[in-house]
């Protein structure tokens, strides 16, 4: 029991350091590490990815609140954007969670790997949105929020 607890503490520390070094969210690092730890514990294979995603999302709740408070204190929260996108994110997260519940661990792993390739491509290509680009209207923000919520639920990231 103590060995497993130590392993999870080590996983959290490694995920935090790597996420900080790479400038990415911890979910991209912690989900594969959680899968590894859970497989070491011989948890049922059909539950491993679901447990890893749920655990990642639960830990993100705490780090997100801390991050939000720090950004809010610095005046770095664009409230007009938050108001227009938050409902879409909530709906998308709910829908993504429902979809994840019926997908197999294998399908979720494949989706996660595809998402990792996409993130790697984005990082290596250096493609960024143009600063002059305008945000979509209310329905566009709702749709974007839905996509963010669904994908976040399926890969265990904070969005």
Foldseek 3Di string as FASTA:
>chain_A
DVVLVVLVVVQVVVLVVVCVVVVHFSLLRNLVSQLVSVVVVVDPQQCSNVVSLVVLLVVVVVVVVVVVVVCVVVVNDPVVLCVLQVVLLVVLLVVLLVVLVPDTSVVLVVLLVVVVVVVVCCVVVVDDDDPPDDQDDSVSSSPVSNVNNNSCSSRNGDD
